[in-house]
Amino acid sequence: MKELELKDIAGYLPYGLKVNSKDDNDIGTITGIDLSNIIKVKYRELTFSETIFDIKPILRPMSDLYKPSLPDGKIPIVELFEMYETREFDTDKKYSVVFNAPIISCEWEVYDTIKKEEGVLRFLRKTSNMGDLVCSFRYDPELRRFSMHDDTNRKPLGIAYQIDLFNYLFENHFDIYGLIEQGLAIDINTVKI
């Protein structure tokens, strides 16, 4: 059985990762890590040293991308799509655009025949030369990447800023490595924080 490693939680560390202590089932926040991989966890007002084997991170399942799962009630995949479409990651705003793609649907689909779960956000893209196109934006858990597709013409579309999209996932504690399924993390929807 795989054990939790530092590389599994490293991307979440700058964003106040909550963890569950295996010893006393208490919930705390990681505040630091030292060179010998001892993790500092703050439980209430006290900070304790824990090994990575003594904690389980509390993460959101990837299916939460497609429903109102954030504290502000927003749907994360819609937020990601709007950030991407408006070029929010373009720091000098050289390529910024106004968001104008109407959302058609946002759902998590389960394909029983091939044992695959996948979410998809469908939107309408208005073009001057090809009319209205139905397109999709999704996160592929198997390939661990975001993709966009022209569903009308059945063509893949390029997508940039992948690292910025992933930073959003880390910041909002989405389980991109499948740690919940492996029993190495706890689903945030099953605990009271």
N, C-alpha and C. Protein backbone atom coordinates (compact mmCIF):
# COMPACT_ATOMS: atom_id res chain seq x y z
N MET A 1 0.84 -1.18 0.00
CA MET A 1 0.00 0.00 0.00
C MET A 1 0.89 1.25 0.00
N LYS A 2 0.52 2.21 -0.80
CA LYS A 2 1.26 3.47 -0.87
C LYS A 2 1.11 4.24 0.43
N GLU A 3 2.19 4.90 0.83
CA GLU A 3 2.15 5.78 2.00
C GLU A 3 2.20 7.23 1.53
N LEU A 4 1.65 8.10 2.35
CA LEU A 4 1.67 9.52 2.06
C LEU A 4 3.10 10.03 2.04
N GLU A 5 3.44 10.83 1.01
CA GLU A 5 4.77 11.40 0.91
C GLU A 5 4.67 12.91 0.85
N LEU A 6 5.77 13.58 1.15
CA LEU A 6 5.81 15.04 1.13
C LEU A 6 5.39 15.58 -0.24
N LYS A 7 5.80 14.92 -1.32
CA LYS A 7 5.45 15.40 -2.66
C LYS A 7 3.94 15.38 -2.89
N ASP A 8 3.20 14.54 -2.15
CA ASP A 8 1.75 14.47 -2.29
C ASP A 8 1.04 15.70 -1.71
N ILE A 9 1.68 16.37 -0.76
CA ILE A 9 1.02 17.52 -0.11
C ILE A 9 1.75 18.84 -0.35
N ALA A 10 2.90 18.81 -1.01
CA ALA A 10 3.73 20.01 -1.17
C ALA A 10 2.99 21.17 -1.82
N GLY A 11 2.20 20.91 -2.85
CA GLY A 11 1.49 21.98 -3.55
C GLY A 11 0.44 22.68 -2.69
N TYR A 12 -0.04 22.00 -1.66
CA TYR A 12 -1.07 22.56 -0.79
C TYR A 12 -0.51 23.38 0.38
N LEU A 13 0.76 23.21 0.67
CA LEU A 13 1.34 23.80 1.89
C LEU A 13 1.20 25.32 2.00
N PRO A 14 1.33 26.10 0.93
CA PRO A 14 1.19 27.55 1.09
C PRO A 14 -0.25 28.00 1.38
N TYR A 15 -1.20 27.07 1.32
CA TYR A 15 -2.61 27.45 1.38
C TYR A 15 -3.35 26.94 2.63
N GLY A 16 -2.66 26.81 3.74
CA GLY A 16 -3.33 26.45 4.99
C GLY A 16 -3.99 25.08 4.96
N LEU A 17 -3.23 24.07 4.56
CA LEU A 17 -3.77 22.71 4.46
C LEU A 17 -4.20 22.20 5.83
N LYS A 18 -5.45 21.77 5.92
CA LYS A 18 -5.97 21.16 7.14
C LYS A 18 -5.64 19.67 7.10
N VAL A 19 -5.33 19.14 8.27
CA VAL A 19 -5.00 17.72 8.39
C VAL A 19 -5.71 17.13 9.60
N ASN A 20 -5.86 15.82 9.56
CA ASN A 20 -6.45 15.08 10.67
C ASN A 20 -5.33 14.26 11.29
N SER A 21 -5.19 14.38 12.61
CA SER A 21 -4.18 13.59 13.32
C SER A 21 -4.70 12.18 13.50
N LYS A 22 -3.91 11.19 13.07
CA LYS A 22 -4.32 9.79 13.22
C LYS A 22 -4.36 9.39 14.69
N ASP A 23 -3.52 10.03 15.53
CA ASP A 23 -3.43 9.65 16.94
C ASP A 23 -4.68 10.00 17.73
N ASP A 24 -5.13 11.25 17.64
CA ASP A 24 -6.27 11.65 18.47
C ASP A 24 -7.44 12.19 17.67
N ASN A 25 -7.41 12.01 16.35
CA ASN A 25 -8.50 12.42 15.47
C ASN A 25 -8.82 13.91 15.55
N ASP A 26 -7.82 14.72 15.89
CA ASP A 26 -7.99 16.17 15.98
C ASP A 26 -7.66 16.79 14.63
N ILE A 27 -8.27 17.94 14.31
CA ILE A 27 -8.02 18.63 13.05
C ILE A 27 -7.17 19.87 13.31
N GLY A 28 -6.11 20.01 12.52
CA GLY A 28 -5.21 21.14 12.65
C GLY A 28 -4.80 21.66 11.28
N THR A 29 -3.94 22.68 11.29
CA THR A 29 -3.45 23.29 10.05
C THR A 29 -1.93 23.19 10.01
N ILE A 30 -1.39 22.77 8.88
CA ILE A 30 0.06 22.70 8.73
C ILE A 30 0.61 24.12 8.70
N THR A 31 1.60 24.37 9.56
CA THR A 31 2.20 25.71 9.63
C THR A 31 3.64 25.72 9.15
N GLY A 32 4.24 24.56 8.97
CA GLY A 32 5.62 24.51 8.51
C GLY A 32 6.13 23.09 8.41
N ILE A 33 7.35 22.98 7.93
CA ILE A 33 8.00 21.68 7.80
C ILE A 33 9.50 21.92 7.94
N ASP A 34 10.20 21.00 8.62
CA ASP A 34 11.64 21.20 8.77
C ASP A 34 12.41 20.28 7.82
N LEU A 35 13.71 20.38 7.85
CA LEU A 35 14.54 19.63 6.91
C LEU A 35 14.48 18.12 7.08
N SER A 36 14.05 17.67 8.24
CA SER A 36 13.95 16.21 8.45
C SER A 36 12.52 15.71 8.20
N ASN A 37 11.74 16.51 7.47
CA ASN A 37 10.37 16.16 7.10
C ASN A 37 9.42 16.04 8.30
N ILE A 38 9.73 16.73 9.37
CA ILE A 38 8.82 16.81 10.50
C ILE A 38 7.88 17.98 10.22
N ILE A 39 6.60 17.70 10.28
CA ILE A 39 5.58 18.69 9.94
C ILE A 39 5.09 19.36 11.21
N LYS A 40 5.00 20.68 11.16
CA LYS A 40 4.46 21.46 12.28
C LYS A 40 2.97 21.66 12.03
N VAL A 41 2.15 21.23 13.00
CA VAL A 41 0.70 21.33 12.86
C VAL A 41 0.15 22.08 14.06
N LYS A 42 -0.67 23.09 13.77
CA LYS A 42 -1.29 23.87 14.82
C LYS A 42 -2.69 23.32 15.08
N TYR A 43 -2.88 22.81 16.30
CA TYR A 43 -4.17 22.35 16.77
C TYR A 43 -4.66 23.35 17.79
N ARG A 44 -5.76 24.00 17.48
CA ARG A 44 -6.28 25.09 18.32
C ARG A 44 -5.19 26.14 18.53
N GLU A 45 -4.64 26.28 19.71
CA GLU A 45 -3.62 27.31 19.97
C GLU A 45 -2.21 26.74 20.09
N LEU A 46 -2.06 25.43 20.06
CA LEU A 46 -0.75 24.80 20.25
C LEU A 46 -0.22 24.20 18.95
N THR A 47 1.09 24.27 18.75
CA THR A 47 1.73 23.68 17.58
C THR A 47 2.49 22.43 18.00
N PHE A 48 2.28 21.35 17.26
CA PHE A 48 2.93 20.07 17.54
C PHE A 48 3.72 19.61 16.33
N SER A 49 4.72 18.77 16.60
CA SER A 49 5.50 18.15 15.53
C SER A 49 4.90 16.80 15.21
N GLU A 50 4.67 16.55 13.94
CA GLU A 50 4.09 15.28 13.49
C GLU A 50 4.94 14.74 12.34
N THR A 51 4.96 13.44 12.18
CA THR A 51 5.56 12.88 10.97
C THR A 51 4.46 12.82 9.92
N ILE A 52 4.85 12.70 8.69
CA ILE A 52 3.86 12.65 7.61
C ILE A 52 2.98 11.41 7.74
N PHE A 53 3.47 10.39 8.44
CA PHE A 53 2.71 9.15 8.62
C PHE A 53 1.63 9.29 9.69
N ASP A 54 1.69 10.38 10.49
CA ASP A 54 0.73 10.59 11.58
C ASP A 54 -0.44 11.48 11.20
N ILE A 55 -0.50 11.91 9.94
CA ILE A 55 -1.56 12.82 9.53
C ILE A 55 -2.25 12.34 8.26
N LYS A 56 -3.45 12.83 8.05
CA LYS A 56 -4.15 12.65 6.78
C LYS A 56 -4.62 14.03 6.35
N PRO A 57 -4.25 14.47 5.14
CA PRO A 57 -4.73 15.77 4.66
C PRO A 57 -6.24 15.72 4.42
N ILE A 58 -6.89 16.86 4.58
CA ILE A 58 -8.32 16.98 4.33
C ILE A 58 -8.47 17.71 2.99
N LEU A 59 -9.01 16.99 2.00
CA LEU A 59 -9.06 17.50 0.63
C LEU A 59 -10.47 17.40 0.04
N ARG A 60 -10.68 18.14 -1.03
CA ARG A 60 -11.95 18.09 -1.77
C ARG A 60 -11.82 17.05 -2.88
N PRO A 61 -12.83 16.20 -3.06
CA PRO A 61 -12.79 15.29 -4.20
C PRO A 61 -12.94 16.09 -5.50
N MET A 62 -12.41 15.58 -6.59
CA MET A 62 -12.46 16.29 -7.86
C MET A 62 -13.89 16.48 -8.35
N SER A 63 -14.81 15.63 -7.93
CA SER A 63 -16.21 15.81 -8.34
C SER A 63 -16.79 17.11 -7.79
N ASP A 64 -16.20 17.67 -6.73
CA ASP A 64 -16.65 18.95 -6.18
C ASP A 64 -16.37 20.12 -7.12
N LEU A 65 -15.55 19.91 -8.15
CA LEU A 65 -15.29 20.96 -9.14
C LEU A 65 -16.57 21.39 -9.85
N TYR A 66 -17.54 20.49 -9.93
CA TYR A 66 -18.71 20.72 -10.77
C TYR A 66 -19.98 21.03 -9.98
N LYS A 67 -19.84 21.39 -8.72
CA LYS A 67 -21.00 21.78 -7.92
C LYS A 67 -20.62 22.93 -7.00
N PRO A 68 -21.59 23.63 -6.45
CA PRO A 68 -21.27 24.76 -5.56
C PRO A 68 -20.63 24.24 -4.27
N SER A 69 -19.31 24.16 -4.25
CA SER A 69 -18.63 23.50 -3.12
C SER A 69 -17.70 24.42 -2.33
N LEU A 70 -17.54 25.65 -2.78
CA LEU A 70 -16.66 26.57 -2.06
C LEU A 70 -17.47 27.36 -1.03
N PRO A 71 -16.81 27.90 -0.02
CA PRO A 71 -17.53 28.65 1.02
C PRO A 71 -18.41 29.78 0.47
N ASP A 72 -18.03 30.37 -0.66
CA ASP A 72 -18.83 31.46 -1.24
C ASP A 72 -19.97 30.95 -2.13
N GLY A 73 -20.12 29.62 -2.22
CA GLY A 73 -21.20 29.03 -3.00
C GLY A 73 -20.95 28.95 -4.49
N LYS A 74 -19.76 29.31 -4.93
CA LYS A 74 -19.46 29.29 -6.37
C LYS A 74 -19.07 27.89 -6.83
N ILE A 75 -19.22 27.67 -8.13
CA ILE A 75 -18.84 26.38 -8.73
C ILE A 75 -17.41 26.52 -9.24
N PRO A 76 -16.47 25.75 -8.70
CA PRO A 76 -15.06 25.93 -9.04
C PRO A 76 -14.72 25.82 -10.53
N ILE A 77 -15.32 24.88 -11.26
CA ILE A 77 -14.95 24.76 -12.68
C ILE A 77 -15.40 26.00 -13.45
N VAL A 78 -16.50 26.62 -13.03
CA VAL A 78 -16.95 27.86 -13.67
C VAL A 78 -15.95 28.97 -13.37
N GLU A 79 -15.48 29.02 -12.12
CA GLU A 79 -14.47 30.01 -11.73
C GLU A 79 -13.20 29.83 -12.56
N LEU A 80 -12.74 28.60 -12.69
CA LEU A 80 -11.54 28.31 -13.47
C LEU A 80 -11.72 28.71 -14.94
N PHE A 81 -12.87 28.38 -15.48
CA PHE A 81 -13.14 28.71 -16.88
C PHE A 81 -13.16 30.22 -17.08
N GLU A 82 -13.82 30.95 -16.19
CA GLU A 82 -13.86 32.41 -16.31
C GLU A 82 -12.47 33.01 -16.15
N MET A 83 -11.68 32.46 -15.22
CA MET A 83 -10.31 32.95 -15.04
C MET A 83 -9.51 32.72 -16.31
N TYR A 84 -9.67 31.56 -16.90
CA TYR A 84 -8.94 31.24 -18.12
C TYR A 84 -9.41 32.13 -19.28
N GLU A 85 -10.71 32.24 -19.46
CA GLU A 85 -11.26 33.00 -20.58
C GLU A 85 -10.93 34.49 -20.51
N THR A 86 -10.85 35.04 -19.31
CA THR A 86 -10.55 36.47 -19.19
C THR A 86 -9.06 36.74 -19.09
N ARG A 87 -8.27 35.68 -19.19
CA ARG A 87 -6.81 35.79 -19.13
C ARG A 87 -6.35 36.41 -17.81
N GLU A 88 -7.02 36.02 -16.73
CA GLU A 88 -6.67 36.58 -15.42
C GLU A 88 -5.21 36.36 -15.07
N PHE A 89 -4.60 35.32 -15.63
CA PHE A 89 -3.22 34.99 -15.30
C PHE A 89 -2.21 35.86 -16.06
N ASP A 90 -2.69 36.60 -17.03
CA ASP A 90 -1.85 37.48 -17.82
C ASP A 90 -1.52 38.71 -16.97
N THR A 91 -0.38 38.70 -16.31
CA THR A 91 -0.06 39.74 -15.32
C THR A 91 0.03 41.14 -15.89
N ASP A 92 0.47 41.28 -17.13
CA ASP A 92 0.54 42.64 -17.68
C ASP A 92 -0.74 43.02 -18.44
N LYS A 93 -1.75 42.13 -18.39
CA LYS A 93 -3.07 42.35 -19.00
C LYS A 93 -2.98 42.69 -20.48
N LYS A 94 -1.95 42.18 -21.12
CA LYS A 94 -1.73 42.42 -22.54
C LYS A 94 -2.80 41.71 -23.40
N TYR A 95 -3.26 40.54 -22.91
CA TYR A 95 -4.21 39.76 -23.69
C TYR A 95 -5.56 39.61 -22.99
N SER A 96 -5.87 40.44 -22.03
CA SER A 96 -7.11 40.34 -21.28
C SER A 96 -8.32 40.56 -22.19
N VAL A 97 -9.37 39.82 -21.89
CA VAL A 97 -10.62 39.96 -22.63
C VAL A 97 -11.78 39.98 -21.63
N VAL A 98 -12.92 40.40 -22.08
CA VAL A 98 -14.12 40.40 -21.24
C VAL A 98 -14.79 39.04 -21.39
N PHE A 99 -15.22 38.47 -20.28
CA PHE A 99 -15.87 37.16 -20.30
C PHE A 99 -17.25 37.28 -20.92
N ASN A 100 -17.53 36.48 -21.95
CA ASN A 100 -18.84 36.55 -22.59
C ASN A 100 -19.31 35.21 -23.13
N ALA A 101 -18.91 34.11 -22.54
CA ALA A 101 -19.31 32.78 -23.02
C ALA A 101 -20.43 32.24 -22.12
N PRO A 102 -21.67 32.24 -22.62
CA PRO A 102 -22.77 31.73 -21.80
C PRO A 102 -22.59 30.25 -21.47
N ILE A 103 -22.79 29.91 -20.20
CA ILE A 103 -22.67 28.52 -19.74
C ILE A 103 -23.95 27.76 -20.13
N ILE A 104 -23.80 26.60 -20.73
CA ILE A 104 -24.95 25.77 -21.11
C ILE A 104 -25.24 24.75 -20.02
N SER A 105 -24.20 24.04 -19.55
CA SER A 105 -24.40 23.04 -18.50
C SER A 105 -23.09 22.80 -17.77
N CYS A 106 -23.22 22.27 -16.58
CA CYS A 106 -22.06 21.95 -15.75
C CYS A 106 -22.43 20.70 -14.97
N GLU A 107 -21.77 19.59 -15.26
CA GLU A 107 -22.17 18.34 -14.61
C GLU A 107 -21.01 17.37 -14.47
N TRP A 108 -21.19 16.44 -13.54
CA TRP A 108 -20.25 15.35 -13.31
C TRP A 108 -20.90 14.11 -13.88
N GLU A 109 -20.27 13.50 -14.86
CA GLU A 109 -20.86 12.35 -15.54
C GLU A 109 -20.16 11.07 -15.11
N VAL A 110 -20.94 10.01 -14.92
CA VAL A 110 -20.40 8.71 -14.57
C VAL A 110 -20.73 7.76 -15.71
N TYR A 111 -19.69 7.19 -16.30
CA TYR A 111 -19.87 6.25 -17.39
C TYR A 111 -19.69 4.84 -16.84
N ASP A 112 -20.79 4.17 -16.57
CA ASP A 112 -20.74 2.84 -15.95
C ASP A 112 -20.06 1.80 -16.85
N THR A 113 -20.24 1.93 -18.16
CA THR A 113 -19.71 0.91 -19.06
C THR A 113 -18.19 0.89 -19.10
N ILE A 114 -17.57 2.05 -18.93
CA ILE A 114 -16.11 2.09 -18.96
C ILE A 114 -15.51 2.46 -17.62
N LYS A 115 -16.35 2.50 -16.58
CA LYS A 115 -15.89 2.79 -15.20
C LYS A 115 -15.10 4.09 -15.12
N LYS A 116 -15.64 5.13 -15.75
CA LYS A 116 -14.96 6.42 -15.74
C LYS A 116 -15.90 7.51 -15.26
N GLU A 117 -15.37 8.39 -14.46
CA GLU A 117 -16.12 9.56 -14.02
C GLU A 117 -15.42 10.78 -14.58
N GLU A 118 -16.21 11.71 -15.07
CA GLU A 118 -15.61 12.90 -15.65
C GLU A 118 -16.60 14.05 -15.58
N GLY A 119 -16.10 15.21 -15.30
CA GLY A 119 -16.93 16.40 -15.29
C GLY A 119 -16.75 17.18 -16.57
N VAL A 120 -17.78 17.94 -16.92
CA VAL A 120 -17.67 18.75 -18.12
C VAL A 120 -18.50 20.02 -17.95
N LEU A 121 -17.94 21.11 -18.41
CA LEU A 121 -18.63 22.40 -18.46
C LEU A 121 -18.82 22.72 -19.93
N ARG A 122 -20.07 22.85 -20.35
CA ARG A 122 -20.35 23.17 -21.74
C ARG A 122 -20.74 24.65 -21.83
N PHE A 123 -20.24 25.31 -22.89
CA PHE A 123 -20.52 26.73 -23.06
C PHE A 123 -20.69 27.05 -24.54
N LEU A 124 -21.26 28.20 -24.78
CA LEU A 124 -21.51 28.65 -26.14
C LEU A 124 -20.46 29.68 -26.52
N ARG A 125 -19.78 29.45 -27.64
CA ARG A 125 -18.78 30.41 -28.12
C ARG A 125 -19.32 31.02 -29.41
N LYS A 126 -19.51 32.32 -29.37
CA LYS A 126 -20.01 33.03 -30.55
C LYS A 126 -18.81 33.44 -31.40
N THR A 127 -18.86 33.09 -32.68
CA THR A 127 -17.78 33.45 -33.60
C THR A 127 -18.35 34.24 -34.77
N SER A 128 -17.52 35.04 -35.39
CA SER A 128 -17.98 35.84 -36.53
C SER A 128 -17.96 35.05 -37.83
N ASN A 129 -17.13 34.02 -37.91
CA ASN A 129 -17.00 33.30 -39.17
C ASN A 129 -17.60 31.88 -39.17
N MET A 130 -17.86 31.30 -37.98
CA MET A 130 -18.38 29.94 -37.94
C MET A 130 -19.72 29.83 -37.20
N GLY A 131 -20.29 30.95 -36.81
CA GLY A 131 -21.56 30.91 -36.09
C GLY A 131 -21.34 30.56 -34.62
N ASP A 132 -22.36 30.05 -33.98
CA ASP A 132 -22.28 29.68 -32.57
C ASP A 132 -21.76 28.25 -32.44
N LEU A 133 -20.76 28.08 -31.59
CA LEU A 133 -20.17 26.76 -31.36
C LEU A 133 -20.43 26.31 -29.93
N VAL A 134 -20.78 25.06 -29.76
CA VAL A 134 -20.87 24.48 -28.42
C VAL A 134 -19.49 23.92 -28.11
N CYS A 135 -18.92 24.38 -27.00
CA CYS A 135 -17.58 23.93 -26.61
C CYS A 135 -17.63 23.37 -25.19
N SER A 136 -16.57 22.69 -24.79
CA SER A 136 -16.51 22.14 -23.44
C SER A 136 -15.14 22.42 -22.82
N PHE A 137 -15.16 22.56 -21.51
CA PHE A 137 -13.96 22.80 -20.70
C PHE A 137 -14.03 21.78 -19.59
N ARG A 138 -12.95 21.06 -19.36
CA ARG A 138 -13.00 20.00 -18.36
C ARG A 138 -11.62 19.75 -17.76
N TYR A 139 -11.66 19.04 -16.63
CA TYR A 139 -10.44 18.53 -16.02
C TYR A 139 -10.46 17.04 -16.21
N ASP A 140 -9.40 16.48 -16.76
CA ASP A 140 -9.30 15.04 -16.97
C ASP A 140 -8.48 14.43 -15.84
N PRO A 141 -9.14 13.68 -14.93
CA PRO A 141 -8.42 13.12 -13.78
C PRO A 141 -7.38 12.06 -14.15
N GLU A 142 -7.59 11.36 -15.25
CA GLU A 142 -6.62 10.34 -15.66
C GLU A 142 -5.34 10.97 -16.20
N LEU A 143 -5.50 11.99 -17.04
CA LEU A 143 -4.33 12.66 -17.62
C LEU A 143 -3.83 13.82 -16.77
N ARG A 144 -4.59 14.16 -15.73
CA ARG A 144 -4.26 15.27 -14.83
C ARG A 144 -3.96 16.55 -15.61
N ARG A 145 -4.95 16.95 -16.42
CA ARG A 145 -4.80 18.19 -17.17
C ARG A 145 -6.18 18.75 -17.50
N PHE A 146 -6.20 20.02 -17.81
CA PHE A 146 -7.41 20.67 -18.28
C PHE A 146 -7.42 20.59 -19.79
N SER A 147 -8.63 20.52 -20.35
CA SER A 147 -8.73 20.51 -21.81
C SER A 147 -9.97 21.28 -22.24
N MET A 148 -9.93 21.74 -23.47
CA MET A 148 -11.05 22.44 -24.07
C MET A 148 -11.31 21.78 -25.42
N HIS A 149 -12.58 21.71 -25.80
CA HIS A 149 -12.93 21.00 -27.01
C HIS A 149 -14.06 21.74 -27.72
N ASP A 150 -13.96 21.83 -29.04
CA ASP A 150 -15.05 22.35 -29.88
C ASP A 150 -15.96 21.15 -30.15
N ASP A 151 -17.06 21.05 -29.40
CA ASP A 151 -17.96 19.91 -29.55
C ASP A 151 -18.74 19.96 -30.87
N THR A 152 -18.99 21.15 -31.39
CA THR A 152 -19.73 21.30 -32.64
C THR A 152 -18.96 20.67 -33.81
N ASN A 153 -17.68 20.99 -33.91
CA ASN A 153 -16.86 20.47 -35.01
C ASN A 153 -15.98 19.29 -34.60
N ARG A 154 -16.15 18.84 -33.38
CA ARG A 154 -15.39 17.69 -32.84
C ARG A 154 -13.88 17.89 -33.00
N LYS A 155 -13.41 19.03 -32.46
CA LYS A 155 -11.97 19.33 -32.54
C LYS A 155 -11.46 19.74 -31.17
N PRO A 156 -10.26 19.28 -30.82
CA PRO A 156 -9.66 19.77 -29.57
C PRO A 156 -9.17 21.21 -29.74
N LEU A 157 -9.22 21.97 -28.68
CA LEU A 157 -8.71 23.34 -28.68
C LEU A 157 -7.55 23.41 -27.71
N GLY A 158 -6.59 24.22 -27.99
CA GLY A 158 -5.44 24.36 -27.09
C GLY A 158 -5.83 25.09 -25.81
N ILE A 159 -5.09 24.83 -24.75
CA ILE A 159 -5.35 25.51 -23.48
C ILE A 159 -4.01 25.82 -22.82
N ALA A 160 -3.85 27.08 -22.46
CA ALA A 160 -2.61 27.54 -21.83
C ALA A 160 -2.85 27.75 -20.34
N TYR A 161 -1.86 28.25 -19.65
CA TYR A 161 -1.97 28.59 -18.22
C TYR A 161 -2.29 27.39 -17.34
N GLN A 162 -1.89 26.20 -17.72
CA GLN A 162 -2.19 25.01 -16.92
C GLN A 162 -1.68 25.15 -15.48
N ILE A 163 -0.48 25.67 -15.29
CA ILE A 163 0.07 25.78 -13.94
C ILE A 163 -0.77 26.71 -13.08
N ASP A 164 -1.29 27.77 -13.66
CA ASP A 164 -2.14 28.68 -12.91
C ASP A 164 -3.46 28.02 -12.53
N LEU A 165 -4.00 27.21 -13.42
CA LEU A 165 -5.22 26.47 -13.11
C LEU A 165 -4.96 25.47 -11.99
N PHE A 166 -3.80 24.82 -12.02
CA PHE A 166 -3.46 23.87 -10.96
C PHE A 166 -3.23 24.58 -9.63
N ASN A 167 -2.64 25.76 -9.66
CA ASN A 167 -2.47 26.51 -8.41
C ASN A 167 -3.82 26.80 -7.76
N TYR A 168 -4.84 27.07 -8.57
CA TYR A 168 -6.20 27.25 -8.05
C TYR A 168 -6.67 25.97 -7.36
N LEU A 169 -6.40 24.81 -7.98
CA LEU A 169 -6.79 23.53 -7.38
C LEU A 169 -6.08 23.31 -6.05
N PHE A 170 -4.77 23.60 -6.00
CA PHE A 170 -4.04 23.47 -4.74
C PHE A 170 -4.59 24.42 -3.68
N GLU A 171 -4.82 25.67 -4.07
CA GLU A 171 -5.30 26.68 -3.13
C GLU A 171 -6.64 26.29 -2.52
N ASN A 172 -7.48 25.62 -3.29
CA ASN A 172 -8.79 25.21 -2.81
C ASN A 172 -8.84 23.75 -2.38
N HIS A 173 -7.66 23.16 -2.25
CA HIS A 173 -7.47 21.82 -1.67
C HIS A 173 -8.20 20.70 -2.42
N PHE A 174 -8.13 20.74 -3.75
CA PHE A 174 -8.71 19.65 -4.55
C PHE A 174 -7.72 18.50 -4.62
N ASP A 175 -8.22 17.29 -4.54
CA ASP A 175 -7.42 16.08 -4.49
C ASP A 175 -6.97 15.66 -5.88
N ILE A 176 -5.97 16.32 -6.43
CA ILE A 176 -5.55 16.02 -7.81
C ILE A 176 -4.78 14.70 -7.92
N TYR A 177 -4.29 14.18 -6.83
CA TYR A 177 -3.51 12.93 -6.88
C TYR A 177 -4.32 11.69 -6.51
N GLY A 178 -5.61 11.84 -6.24
CA GLY A 178 -6.43 10.68 -5.88
C GLY A 178 -6.11 10.10 -4.52
N LEU A 179 -5.70 10.95 -3.58
CA LEU A 179 -5.31 10.47 -2.24
C LEU A 179 -6.51 9.97 -1.44
N ILE A 180 -7.69 10.55 -1.66
CA ILE A 180 -8.88 10.10 -0.93
C ILE A 180 -9.19 8.65 -1.29
N GLU A 181 -9.20 8.34 -2.58
CA GLU A 181 -9.47 6.97 -3.03
C GLU A 181 -8.45 5.97 -2.50
N GLN A 182 -7.22 6.43 -2.29
CA GLN A 182 -6.16 5.55 -1.80
C GLN A 182 -6.18 5.41 -0.28
N GLY A 183 -7.09 6.13 0.38
CA GLY A 183 -7.17 6.07 1.84
C GLY A 183 -6.10 6.91 2.53
N LEU A 184 -5.44 7.81 1.79
CA LEU A 184 -4.36 8.62 2.34
C LEU A 184 -4.82 10.04 2.72
N ALA A 185 -6.05 10.39 2.35
CA ALA A 185 -6.60 11.70 2.68
C ALA A 185 -8.07 11.53 3.05
N ILE A 186 -8.62 12.57 3.63
CA ILE A 186 -10.02 12.56 4.07
C ILE A 186 -10.81 13.52 3.20
N ASP A 187 -11.99 13.10 2.79
CA ASP A 187 -12.90 13.93 2.01
C ASP A 187 -13.43 15.05 2.90
N ILE A 188 -13.23 16.29 2.49
CA ILE A 188 -13.64 17.46 3.27
C ILE A 188 -15.15 17.45 3.56
N ASN A 189 -15.91 16.78 2.71
CA ASN A 189 -17.36 16.72 2.89
C ASN A 189 -17.79 15.78 4.00
N THR A 190 -16.85 15.03 4.56
CA THR A 190 -17.19 14.07 5.62
C THR A 190 -16.77 14.51 7.00
N VAL A 191 -16.14 15.69 7.11
CA VAL A 191 -15.69 16.19 8.42
C VAL A 191 -16.23 17.59 8.65
N LYS A 192 -16.31 17.96 9.91
CA LYS A 192 -16.72 19.32 10.27
C LYS A 192 -15.46 20.08 10.64
N ILE A 193 -15.18 21.13 9.88
CA ILE A 193 -13.96 21.92 10.13
C ILE A 193 -14.34 23.21 10.83
